[in-house]
Amino acid sequence: EQRGEKYISVDLKETLDWAPVRARVQKGIRNSNIMAIAPTA
């Protein structure tokens, strides 16, 4: 797919290993969403 000059070329060869992060937050993410402070306008 050809893109115009406005797009930035991104090197996708290096990626982060998200498996350890997912394993650590798998059970704790629910509490963080419940306890988050709502933004005010």
N, C-alpha and C. Protein backbone atom coordinates (compact mmCIF):
# COMPACT_ATOMS: atom_id res chain seq x y z
N GLU A 1 0.85 -1.18 0.00
CA GLU A 1 0.00 0.00 0.00
C GLU A 1 0.90 1.24 0.00
N GLN A 2 0.64 2.12 -0.90
CA GLN A 2 1.45 3.32 -1.02
C GLN A 2 0.85 4.45 -0.20
N ARG A 3 1.71 5.18 0.50
CA ARG A 3 1.26 6.29 1.33
C ARG A 3 1.92 7.58 0.88
N GLY A 4 1.29 8.66 1.22
CA GLY A 4 1.82 9.96 0.86
C GLY A 4 2.98 10.37 1.76
N GLU A 5 3.51 11.55 1.54
CA GLU A 5 4.65 12.04 2.30
C GLU A 5 4.28 12.47 3.71
N LYS A 6 3.00 12.59 4.01
CA LYS A 6 2.55 13.05 5.33
C LYS A 6 2.75 11.98 6.41
N TYR A 7 2.87 10.71 6.01
CA TYR A 7 2.97 9.63 6.98
C TYR A 7 4.42 9.42 7.40
N ILE A 8 4.60 8.98 8.64
CA ILE A 8 5.93 8.73 9.19
C ILE A 8 6.25 7.25 9.03
N SER A 9 7.45 6.94 8.61
CA SER A 9 7.89 5.56 8.49
C SER A 9 8.23 5.04 9.89
N VAL A 10 7.61 3.93 10.30
CA VAL A 10 7.82 3.36 11.62
C VAL A 10 8.45 1.99 11.49
N ASP A 11 9.54 1.78 12.20
CA ASP A 11 10.22 0.48 12.19
C ASP A 11 9.54 -0.43 13.21
N LEU A 12 8.89 -1.48 12.73
CA LEU A 12 8.14 -2.38 13.61
C LEU A 12 8.93 -3.63 13.98
N LYS A 13 10.23 -3.66 13.70
CA LYS A 13 11.04 -4.84 14.01
C LYS A 13 11.20 -5.03 15.51
N GLU A 14 11.30 -3.92 16.24
CA GLU A 14 11.46 -4.01 17.69
C GLU A 14 10.11 -3.80 18.36
N THR A 15 9.69 -4.78 19.14
CA THR A 15 8.44 -4.66 19.88
C THR A 15 8.69 -5.03 21.34
N LEU A 16 7.85 -4.56 22.22
CA LEU A 16 7.98 -4.87 23.63
C LEU A 16 7.29 -6.19 23.94
N ASP A 17 7.78 -6.89 24.95
CA ASP A 17 7.17 -8.14 25.39
C ASP A 17 6.11 -7.80 26.44
N TRP A 18 4.85 -7.80 26.02
CA TRP A 18 3.75 -7.40 26.89
C TRP A 18 3.22 -8.54 27.75
N ALA A 19 3.65 -9.78 27.52
CA ALA A 19 3.13 -10.93 28.27
C ALA A 19 3.32 -10.78 29.78
N PRO A 20 4.50 -10.39 30.28
CA PRO A 20 4.64 -10.23 31.74
C PRO A 20 3.73 -9.13 32.30
N VAL A 21 3.54 -8.07 31.56
CA VAL A 21 2.67 -6.99 32.01
C VAL A 21 1.24 -7.48 32.09
N ARG A 22 0.79 -8.17 31.05
CA ARG A 22 -0.58 -8.71 31.05
C ARG A 22 -0.80 -9.67 32.21
N ALA A 23 0.20 -10.49 32.50
CA ALA A 23 0.08 -11.46 33.59
C ALA A 23 -0.06 -10.76 34.94
N ARG A 24 0.65 -9.64 35.12
CA ARG A 24 0.60 -8.93 36.41
C ARG A 24 -0.69 -8.15 36.60
N VAL A 25 -1.27 -7.61 35.54
CA VAL A 25 -2.47 -6.79 35.70
C VAL A 25 -3.76 -7.55 35.43
N GLN A 26 -3.65 -8.82 35.08
CA GLN A 26 -4.84 -9.60 34.72
C GLN A 26 -5.89 -9.58 35.83
N LYS A 27 -5.47 -9.68 37.07
CA LYS A 27 -6.43 -9.73 38.17
C LYS A 27 -6.60 -8.38 38.86
N GLY A 28 -5.70 -7.45 38.66
CA GLY A 28 -5.76 -6.18 39.36
C GLY A 28 -6.39 -5.05 38.56
N ILE A 29 -6.65 -5.25 37.29
CA ILE A 29 -7.15 -4.17 36.45
C ILE A 29 -8.58 -3.78 36.83
N ARG A 30 -9.37 -4.71 37.30
CA ARG A 30 -10.76 -4.40 37.67
C ARG A 30 -10.79 -3.39 38.81
N ASN A 31 -9.98 -3.61 39.82
CA ASN A 31 -9.95 -2.71 40.96
C ASN A 31 -9.47 -1.33 40.55
N SER A 32 -8.50 -1.25 39.67
CA SER A 32 -8.00 0.06 39.26
C SER A 32 -9.06 0.84 38.51
N ASN A 33 -9.90 0.15 37.75
CA ASN A 33 -10.96 0.85 37.02
C ASN A 33 -12.07 1.30 37.96
N ILE A 34 -12.36 0.54 38.98
CA ILE A 34 -13.40 0.90 39.94
C ILE A 34 -12.95 2.06 40.82
N MET A 35 -11.68 2.07 41.21
CA MET A 35 -11.16 3.05 42.15
C MET A 35 -10.67 4.34 41.48
N ALA A 36 -10.66 4.40 40.17
CA ALA A 36 -10.15 5.58 39.47
C ALA A 36 -11.01 6.80 39.78
N ILE A 37 -10.37 7.93 39.93
CA ILE A 37 -11.07 9.19 40.21
C ILE A 37 -11.62 9.73 38.89
N ALA A 38 -12.89 10.08 38.89
CA ALA A 38 -13.52 10.60 37.67
C ALA A 38 -13.04 12.03 37.41
N PRO A 39 -12.79 12.35 36.16
CA PRO A 39 -12.38 13.72 35.83
C PRO A 39 -13.55 14.70 36.01
N THR A 40 -13.22 15.92 36.34
CA THR A 40 -14.25 16.94 36.49
C THR A 40 -14.07 18.02 35.44
N ALA A 41 -15.15 18.63 35.06
CA ALA A 41 -15.08 19.67 34.03
C ALA A 41 -15.00 21.05 34.65
